[in-house]
Every structure is written in C-alpha cells, then in structure tokens.
Amino acid sequence: MKLIRETVEEVKYLTETTEKGGKKLYIEGTFLVGDTVNKNNRMYKMNTLRTEVERYQDEFIKTNRALGELGHPDTPTINLERVSHKIVSLSEDGNTFYGKALILDTPYGNIVKNFIDNDVNLGVSSRALGSLQQTKEGYNLVQDDLRLATAADIVADPSAPGAFVNGIMENKEWMFVDGKFVESDFDHAKKQIRTASKQQIEEVALKLFENYLRKL
C-alpha cells in the first residue's frame, strides 16, 4: 500500500460561542472528492470513498480520535505531539465530503490560530494508504483497500510545489503489522541483501537499484 496525499487549497474559518461564553475556532470545507481525476492524476470512486469514510466515522470521529497534524507528515501514523485539530464531522454532498475540524489548544493548534489571526491562507491535505491501478485513460484509480490515516492535515502552503516529495513518499510501501504501520520497502531490501551470498550481493544490489529507478 502506498501513502497517498491530496490537498484542497481553500477552507473557511468559523467561530462558535459555547454555553459558558467561550469561543471555539473551526475550519470547514471540502476534505475529499470522488469520481473526479484530480491534479495528482488520481481518481477515487465514490463507493470506495463512501465505504472508507463510514469506517473512519465509526472508528475515529464518533470516538473523538479523528486527529490531524499541522504540516506535511510523511508517514501514515498520527504524531500526537504535532496534532493541531480534531475532525468532528464529514458529510457527503454530491461527489464530495464536506468536513469540519475543531482547532485544539495544543502547541500546533495555537500556531494555526495565529496563522488565522494574521490572514494566512490555509488548506487541508488528506492522508491515506491505498493501492493504485493505472487505467487505459492514463490516470491512477485508487483501489478498494483505501484506508484513511486522517481526513485532513492542515497545510499553510497548499500551493507550494510538492510533486517531488509526494512522488518519493508514494513509492514507499506500508503494511499494518502488530497494530501499527511499518515501511516495508527498506526492510525487504535489507533482508534480500542480508540473505544473499557473497557471489550474489552485487547482482541483488543491482536488481534493487533497478527496481528503485523503475518507481521514480
């Protein structure tokens, strides 16, 4: 499974007053889009998205565990030290899922609040694992093994060039082992080299390098 990230470059800000007179800050907007080839040349079938969103809602949103980070994390695991917000809802509207997230009073949440106070344009980036299959039309279709890590990370530079980083990260393979995601490409390569004889090492290393080049 590959790490897949999609960025939406515009969200809205919303402030709500609590019963005790306090204020809560939210971001809201389109978090996920289906049945459309996006700028990363990928498409998610709505049925695939709908099934995964239902699981994400049951396991994370309804249990108050749907967290997101500030920035562009390069793993499918949530780093609690970088959490800035909690996703509180995802609702289907046509071919999109409209989301809402509460900005938390954490170190990174306070950075987000400062960005908003100073009119910084923010976007959101979904983070998921899934397999890709290239279609005859030339785009990559995300398969039914899609698994959301988070429906939205917050990015303060949504328009910045990210193709190089995304390309490298998507060539990593991840597996779910003993309750956590582990990167499998590196471990697989080490195992092949470790088990090769002295006569085979050069041949194995060459094959691994060729495989890497094919993924670029």
C-alpha atoms as a PDB file:
ATOM      1  CA  MET A   1       0.000   0.000   0.000  1.00  0.00           C
ATOM      2  CA  LYS A   2       1.247   3.474  -0.827  1.00  0.00           C
ATOM      3  CA  LEU A   3       0.972   6.712   1.106  1.00  0.00           C
ATOM      4  CA  ILE A   4      -1.478   8.968  -0.744  1.00  0.00           C
ATOM      5  CA  ARG A   5      -1.993  12.661  -0.016  1.00  0.00           C
ATOM      6  CA  GLU A   6      -4.449  15.061  -1.625  1.00  0.00           C
ATOM      7  CA  THR A   7      -4.548  18.797  -0.977  1.00  0.00           C
ATOM      8  CA  VAL A   8      -7.550  21.124  -1.022  1.00  0.00           C
ATOM      9  CA  GLU A   9      -6.295  24.685  -1.215  1.00  0.00           C
ATOM     10  CA  GLU A  10      -9.108  26.567   0.471  1.00  0.00           C
ATOM     11  CA  VAL A  11     -11.024  26.233   3.735  1.00  0.00           C
ATOM     12  CA  LYS A  12     -13.333  28.534   5.660  1.00  0.00           C
ATOM     13  CA  TYR A  13     -12.958  29.649   9.268  1.00  0.00           C
ATOM     14  CA  LEU A  14     -15.808  29.560  11.743  1.00  0.00           C
ATOM     15  CA  THR A  15     -16.029  30.736  15.349  1.00  0.00           C
ATOM     16  CA  GLU A  16     -18.730  29.341  17.637  1.00  0.00           C
ATOM     17  CA  THR A  17     -19.640  30.549  21.138  1.00  0.00           C
ATOM     18  CA  THR A  18     -20.044  27.903  23.822  1.00  0.00           C
ATOM     19  CA  GLU A  19     -22.745  27.874  26.512  1.00  0.00           C
ATOM     20  CA  LYS A  20     -20.224  29.260  29.010  1.00  0.00           C
ATOM     21  CA  GLY A  21     -19.331  32.170  26.763  1.00  0.00           C
ATOM     22  CA  GLY A  22     -16.077  30.757  25.445  1.00  0.00           C
ATOM     23  CA  LYS A  23     -15.212  30.547  21.780  1.00  0.00           C
ATOM     24  CA  LYS A  24     -14.221  27.630  19.598  1.00  0.00           C
ATOM     25  CA  LEU A  25     -12.452  28.002  16.267  1.00  0.00           C
ATOM     26  CA  TYR A  26     -13.164  25.632  13.384  1.00  0.00           C
ATOM     27  CA  ILE A  27     -12.063  25.129   9.813  1.00  0.00           C
ATOM     28  CA  GLU A  28     -14.513  23.697   7.325  1.00  0.00           C
ATOM     29  CA  GLY A  29     -14.723  22.933   3.633  1.00  0.00           C
ATOM     30  CA  THR A  30     -14.299  20.157   1.082  1.00  0.00           C
ATOM     31  CA  PHE A  31     -11.988  17.498   2.504  1.00  0.00           C
ATOM     32  CA  LEU A  32     -12.405  14.628  -0.010  1.00  0.00           C
ATOM     33  CA  VAL A  33     -13.524  14.441  -3.647  1.00  0.00           C
ATOM     34  CA  GLY A  34     -14.663  11.376  -5.603  1.00  0.00           C
ATOM     35  CA  ASP A  35     -15.343  10.397  -9.228  1.00  0.00           C
ATOM     36  CA  THR A  36     -13.015  13.159 -10.465  1.00  0.00           C
ATOM     37  CA  VAL A  37      -9.469  12.925 -11.801  1.00  0.00           C
ATOM     38  CA  ASN A  38      -7.537  15.333  -9.569  1.00  0.00           C
ATOM     39  CA  LYS A  39      -4.380  17.350 -10.192  1.00  0.00           C
ATOM     40  CA  ASN A  40      -2.307  14.407  -8.951  1.00  0.00           C
ATOM     41  CA  ASN A  41      -3.786  12.317 -11.790  1.00  0.00           C
ATOM     42  CA  ARG A  42      -5.698  10.118  -9.360  1.00  0.00           C
ATOM     43  CA  MET A  43      -9.358   9.293  -9.007  1.00  0.00           C
ATOM     44  CA  TYR A  44     -11.330   7.892  -6.086  1.00  0.00           C
ATOM     45  CA  LYS A  45     -14.570   6.075  -6.822  1.00  0.00           C
ATOM     46  CA  MET A  46     -17.375   7.436  -4.668  1.00  0.00           C
ATOM     47  CA  ASN A  47     -18.247   3.931  -3.480  1.00  0.00           C
ATOM     48  CA  THR A  48     -14.655   3.473  -2.324  1.00  0.00           C
ATOM     49  CA  LEU A  49     -14.642   6.813  -0.521  1.00  0.00           C
ATOM     50  CA  ARG A  50     -18.078   6.255   0.998  1.00  0.00           C
ATOM     51  CA  THR A  51     -17.136   2.876   2.461  1.00  0.00           C
ATOM     52  CA  GLU A  52     -13.898   4.216   3.935  1.00  0.00           C
ATOM     53  CA  VAL A  53     -15.494   7.392   5.291  1.00  0.00           C
ATOM     54  CA  GLU A  54     -18.128   5.286   7.069  1.00  0.00           C
ATOM     55  CA  ARG A  55     -15.369   3.250   8.725  1.00  0.00           C
ATOM     56  CA  TYR A  56     -13.439   6.423   9.608  1.00  0.00           C
ATOM     57  CA  GLN A  57     -16.561   7.979  11.127  1.00  0.00           C
ATOM     58  CA  ASP A  58     -17.342   4.910  13.229  1.00  0.00           C
ATOM     59  CA  GLU A  59     -13.792   4.255  14.427  1.00  0.00           C
ATOM     60  CA  PHE A  60     -12.447   7.788  14.739  1.00  0.00           C
ATOM     61  CA  ILE A  61     -14.926  10.673  14.510  1.00  0.00           C
ATOM     62  CA  LYS A  62     -17.578   9.118  16.772  1.00  0.00           C
ATOM     63  CA  THR A  63     -14.911   8.117  19.302  1.00  0.00           C
ATOM     64  CA  ASN A  64     -13.200  11.542  19.296  1.00  0.00           C
ATOM     65  CA  ARG A  65      -9.980  10.128  17.823  1.00  0.00           C
ATOM     66  CA  ALA A  66     -10.075  11.767  14.382  1.00  0.00           C
ATOM     67  CA  LEU A  67      -6.974  13.909  14.709  1.00  0.00           C
ATOM     68  CA  GLY A  68      -4.889  15.821  12.200  1.00  0.00           C
ATOM     69  CA  GLU A  69      -1.490  17.498  12.157  1.00  0.00           C
ATOM     70  CA  LEU A  70      -0.044  20.787  11.008  1.00  0.00           C
ATOM     71  CA  GLY A  71       2.252  20.318   8.017  1.00  0.00           C
ATOM     72  CA  HIS A  72       3.031  17.540   5.524  1.00  0.00           C
ATOM     73  CA  PRO A  73       3.684  14.343   7.540  1.00  0.00           C
ATOM     74  CA  ASP A  74       5.433  11.629   5.548  1.00  0.00           C
ATOM     75  CA  THR A  75       4.076   8.585   7.398  1.00  0.00           C
ATOM     76  CA  PRO A  76       0.556   7.174   7.879  1.00  0.00           C
ATOM     77  CA  THR A  77       0.868   7.408  11.663  1.00  0.00           C
ATOM     78  CA  ILE A  78      -0.512  10.349  13.682  1.00  0.00           C
ATOM     79  CA  ASN A  79       2.203  12.076  15.712  1.00  0.00           C
ATOM     80  CA  LEU A  80       0.384  13.273  18.843  1.00  0.00           C
ATOM     81  CA  GLU A  81       2.998  15.959  19.507  1.00  0.00           C
ATOM     82  CA  ARG A  82       2.106  17.668  16.198  1.00  0.00           C
ATOM     83  CA  VAL A  83      -1.688  17.412  16.464  1.00  0.00           C
ATOM     84  CA  SER A  84      -3.418  20.734  15.776  1.00  0.00           C
ATOM     85  CA  HIS A  85      -7.091  19.829  15.315  1.00  0.00           C
ATOM     86  CA  LYS A  86      -9.837  17.259  15.724  1.00  0.00           C
ATOM     87  CA  ILE A  87     -12.134  16.380  12.829  1.00  0.00           C
ATOM     88  CA  VAL A  88     -15.700  16.498  14.124  1.00  0.00           C
ATOM     89  CA  SER A  89     -17.765  15.742  11.025  1.00  0.00           C
ATOM     90  CA  LEU A  90     -17.716  14.517   7.426  1.00  0.00           C
ATOM     91  CA  SER A  91     -20.865  14.731   5.329  1.00  0.00           C
ATOM     92  CA  GLU A  92     -21.464  13.633   1.761  1.00  0.00           C
ATOM     93  CA  ASP A  93     -22.580  16.268  -0.725  1.00  0.00           C
ATOM     94  CA  GLY A  94     -22.666  15.186  -4.360  1.00  0.00           C
ATOM     95  CA  ASN A  95     -19.211  13.864  -5.200  1.00  0.00           C
ATOM     96  CA  THR A  96     -17.517  15.496  -2.209  1.00  0.00           C
ATOM     97  CA  PHE A  97     -17.235  15.008   1.523  1.00  0.00           C
ATOM     98  CA  TYR A  98     -17.573  18.282   3.399  1.00  0.00           C
ATOM     99  CA  GLY A  99     -15.620  18.335   6.644  1.00  0.00           C
ATOM    100  CA  LYS A 100     -15.373  20.361   9.819  1.00  0.00           C
ATOM    101  CA  ALA A 101     -12.472  20.387  12.275  1.00  0.00           C
ATOM    102  CA  LEU A 102     -12.030  21.968  15.700  1.00  0.00           C
ATOM    103  CA  ILE A 103      -8.719  23.772  16.270  1.00  0.00           C
ATOM    104  CA  LEU A 104      -7.303  22.456  19.534  1.00  0.00           C
ATOM    105  CA  ASP A 105      -5.491  24.307  22.298  1.00  0.00           C
ATOM    106  CA  THR A 106      -2.227  22.486  21.609  1.00  0.00           C
ATOM    107  CA  PRO A 107       1.154  23.988  20.636  1.00  0.00           C
ATOM    108  CA  TYR A 108       0.496  23.329  16.945  1.00  0.00           C
ATOM    109  CA  GLY A 109      -3.170  24.262  17.283  1.00  0.00           C
ATOM    110  CA  ASN A 110      -2.108  27.631  18.645  1.00  0.00           C
ATOM    111  CA  ILE A 111       0.186  28.080  15.645  1.00  0.00           C
ATOM    112  CA  VAL A 112      -2.837  27.504  13.393  1.00  0.00           C
ATOM    113  CA  LYS A 113      -4.838  30.066  15.392  1.00  0.00           C
ATOM    114  CA  ASN A 114      -2.027  32.569  14.939  1.00  0.00           C
ATOM    115  CA  PHE A 115      -1.986  31.913  11.195  1.00  0.00           C
ATOM    116  CA  ILE A 116      -5.724  32.539  11.013  1.00  0.00           C
ATOM    117  CA  ASP A 117      -5.492  35.698  13.119  1.00  0.00           C
ATOM    118  CA  ASN A 118      -2.907  37.020  10.665  1.00  0.00           C
ATOM    119  CA  ASP A 119      -4.858  36.131   7.496  1.00  0.00           C
ATOM    120  CA  VAL A 120      -2.595  33.278   6.364  1.00  0.00           C
ATOM    121  CA  ASN A 121      -4.260  31.159   3.674  1.00  0.00           C
ATOM    122  CA  LEU A 122      -4.630  27.580   4.872  1.00  0.00           C
ATOM    123  CA  GLY A 123      -5.589  24.380   3.122  1.00  0.00           C
ATOM    124  CA  VAL A 124      -6.179  20.775   4.112  1.00  0.00           C
ATOM    125  CA  SER A 125      -4.480  17.615   2.939  1.00  0.00           C
ATOM    126  CA  SER A 126      -5.941  14.137   3.381  1.00  0.00           C
ATOM    127  CA  ARG A 127      -3.540  11.299   4.194  1.00  0.00           C
ATOM    128  CA  ALA A 128      -4.312   7.688   3.378  1.00  0.00           C
ATOM    129  CA  LEU A 129      -2.902   4.314   2.401  1.00  0.00           C
ATOM    130  CA  GLY A 130      -4.052   2.504  -0.691  1.00  0.00           C
ATOM    131  CA  SER A 131      -3.145   0.699  -3.879  1.00  0.00           C
ATOM    132  CA  LEU A 132      -3.151   2.420  -7.259  1.00  0.00           C
ATOM    133  CA  GLN A 133      -4.038   0.930 -10.634  1.00  0.00           C
ATOM    134  CA  GLN A 134      -3.297   2.797 -13.833  1.00  0.00           C
ATOM    135  CA  THR A 135      -6.253   2.900 -16.215  1.00  0.00           C
ATOM    136  CA  LYS A 136      -6.192   2.846 -20.005  1.00  0.00           C
ATOM    137  CA  GLU A 137      -7.176   6.519 -19.860  1.00  0.00           C
ATOM    138  CA  GLY A 138      -3.833   7.238 -18.155  1.00  0.00           C
ATOM    139  CA  TYR A 139      -4.904   8.174 -14.621  1.00  0.00           C
ATOM    140  CA  ASN A 140      -4.384   6.171 -11.413  1.00  0.00           C
ATOM    141  CA  LEU A 141      -7.501   4.669  -9.851  1.00  0.00           C
ATOM    142  CA  VAL A 142      -7.373   4.280  -6.059  1.00  0.00           C
ATOM    143  CA  GLN A 143      -8.390   0.757  -5.117  1.00  0.00           C
ATOM    144  CA  ASP A 144     -10.865  -0.502  -2.519  1.00  0.00           C
ATOM    145  CA  ASP A 145      -8.138  -1.132   0.086  1.00  0.00           C
ATOM    146  CA  LEU A 146      -8.103   2.634   0.776  1.00  0.00           C
ATOM    147  CA  ARG A 147      -7.536   3.395   4.461  1.00  0.00           C
ATOM    148  CA  LEU A 148      -7.628   6.955   5.785  1.00  0.00           C
ATOM    149  CA  ALA A 149      -4.955   7.975   8.267  1.00  0.00           C
ATOM    150  CA  THR A 150      -6.646  11.360   8.590  1.00  0.00           C
ATOM    151  CA  ALA A 151      -9.269  13.146   6.554  1.00  0.00           C
ATOM    152  CA  ALA A 152      -7.372  16.416   6.956  1.00  0.00           C
ATOM    153  CA  ASP A 153      -3.972  17.704   7.928  1.00  0.00           C
ATOM    154  CA  ILE A 154      -3.623  21.489   7.886  1.00  0.00           C
ATOM    155  CA  VAL A 155      -1.148  22.929   5.408  1.00  0.00           C
ATOM    156  CA  ALA A 156      -0.090  26.564   5.450  1.00  0.00           C
ATOM    157  CA  ASP A 157       1.482  26.374   1.992  1.00  0.00           C
ATOM    158  CA  PRO A 158      -1.110  24.492  -0.058  1.00  0.00           C
ATOM    159  CA  SER A 159       0.088  25.901  -3.382  1.00  0.00           C
ATOM    160  CA  ALA A 160       3.769  25.110  -2.810  1.00  0.00           C
ATOM    161  CA  PRO A 161       5.338  22.557  -5.185  1.00  0.00           C
ATOM    162  CA  GLY A 162       5.006  19.144  -3.565  1.00  0.00           C
ATOM    163  CA  ALA A 163       5.231  16.778  -6.516  1.00  0.00           C
ATOM    164  CA  PHE A 164       8.796  15.686  -5.743  1.00  0.00           C
ATOM    165  CA  VAL A 165       8.128  14.853  -2.095  1.00  0.00           C
ATOM    166  CA  ASN A 166       4.812  13.181  -2.901  1.00  0.00           C
ATOM    167  CA  GLY A 167       6.425  11.123  -5.636  1.00  0.00           C
ATOM    168  CA  ILE A 168       9.126   9.835  -3.320  1.00  0.00           C
ATOM    169  CA  MET A 169       6.683   9.056  -0.499  1.00  0.00           C
ATOM    170  CA  GLU A 170       4.232   7.254  -2.751  1.00  0.00           C
ATOM    171  CA  ASN A 171       6.954   4.830  -3.788  1.00  0.00           C
ATOM    172  CA  LYS A 172       7.230   3.562  -0.244  1.00  0.00           C
ATOM    173  CA  GLU A 173       5.197   0.516   0.678  1.00  0.00           C
ATOM    174  CA  TRP A 174       3.461   0.280   4.040  1.00  0.00           C
ATOM    175  CA  MET A 175       1.990  -2.673   5.921  1.00  0.00           C
ATOM    176  CA  PHE A 176      -0.186  -2.851   9.042  1.00  0.00           C
ATOM    177  CA  VAL A 177       1.766  -5.049  11.486  1.00  0.00           C
ATOM    178  CA  ASP A 178       1.065  -5.577  15.189  1.00  0.00           C
ATOM    179  CA  GLY A 179      -1.236  -2.565  15.386  1.00  0.00           C
ATOM    180  CA  LYS A 180       0.988  -0.078  13.602  1.00  0.00           C
ATOM    181  CA  PHE A 181       2.059   0.879  10.088  1.00  0.00           C
ATOM    182  CA  VAL A 182       5.588  -0.076   9.066  1.00  0.00           C
ATOM    183  CA  GLU A 183       7.505   0.782   5.935  1.00  0.00           C
ATOM    184  CA  SER A 184       8.210  -2.450   4.067  1.00  0.00           C
ATOM    185  CA  ASP A 185      10.437  -1.470   1.117  1.00  0.00           C
ATOM    186  CA  PHE A 186      13.521  -0.823   3.220  1.00  0.00           C
ATOM    187  CA  ASP A 187      13.095  -3.926   5.362  1.00  0.00           C
ATOM    188  CA  HIS A 188      12.576  -6.060   2.263  1.00  0.00           C
ATOM    189  CA  ALA A 189      15.750  -4.699   0.657  1.00  0.00           C
ATOM    190  CA  LYS A 190      17.793  -5.300   3.816  1.00  0.00           C
ATOM    191  CA  LYS A 191      16.508  -8.868   4.026  1.00  0.00           C
ATOM    192  CA  GLN A 192      17.457  -9.608   0.415  1.00  0.00           C
ATOM    193  CA  ILE A 193      20.981  -8.266   0.890  1.00  0.00           C
ATOM    194  CA  ARG A 194      21.431  -9.987   4.266  1.00  0.00           C
ATOM    195  CA  THR A 195      20.469 -13.409   2.886  1.00  0.00           C
ATOM    196  CA  ALA A 196      22.491 -13.145  -0.335  1.00  0.00           C
ATOM    197  CA  SER A 197      25.800 -14.980  -0.679  1.00  0.00           C
ATOM    198  CA  LYS A 198      28.999 -13.044  -1.350  1.00  0.00           C
ATOM    199  CA  GLN A 199      28.720 -14.003  -5.009  1.00  0.00           C
ATOM    200  CA  GLN A 200      25.105 -12.794  -5.193  1.00  0.00           C
ATOM    201  CA  ILE A 201      25.401  -9.451  -3.361  1.00  0.00           C
ATOM    202  CA  GLU A 202      26.370  -7.422  -6.429  1.00  0.00           C
ATOM    203  CA  GLU A 203      23.568  -8.952  -8.510  1.00  0.00           C
ATOM    204  CA  VAL A 204      20.966  -8.413  -5.739  1.00  0.00           C
ATOM    205  CA  ALA A 205      22.070  -4.803  -5.168  1.00  0.00           C
ATOM    206  CA  LEU A 206      21.822  -4.102  -8.903  1.00  0.00           C
ATOM    207  CA  LYS A 207      18.284  -5.511  -9.051  1.00  0.00           C
ATOM    208  CA  LEU A 208      17.209  -3.439  -6.044  1.00  0.00           C
ATOM    209  CA  PHE A 209      18.625  -0.307  -7.644  1.00  0.00           C
ATOM    210  CA  GLU A 210      16.845  -1.083 -10.928  1.00  0.00           C
ATOM    211  CA  ASN A 211      13.570  -1.582  -9.038  1.00  0.00           C
ATOM    212  CA  TYR A 212      14.064   1.792  -7.343  1.00  0.00           C
ATOM    213  CA  LEU A 213      14.674   3.522 -10.672  1.00  0.00           C
ATOM    214  CA  ARG A 214      11.513   1.993 -12.131  1.00  0.00           C
ATOM    215  CA  LYS A 215       9.491   3.542  -9.292  1.00  0.00           C
ATOM    216  CA  LEU A 216      10.775   7.076  -9.875  1.00  0.00           C
END
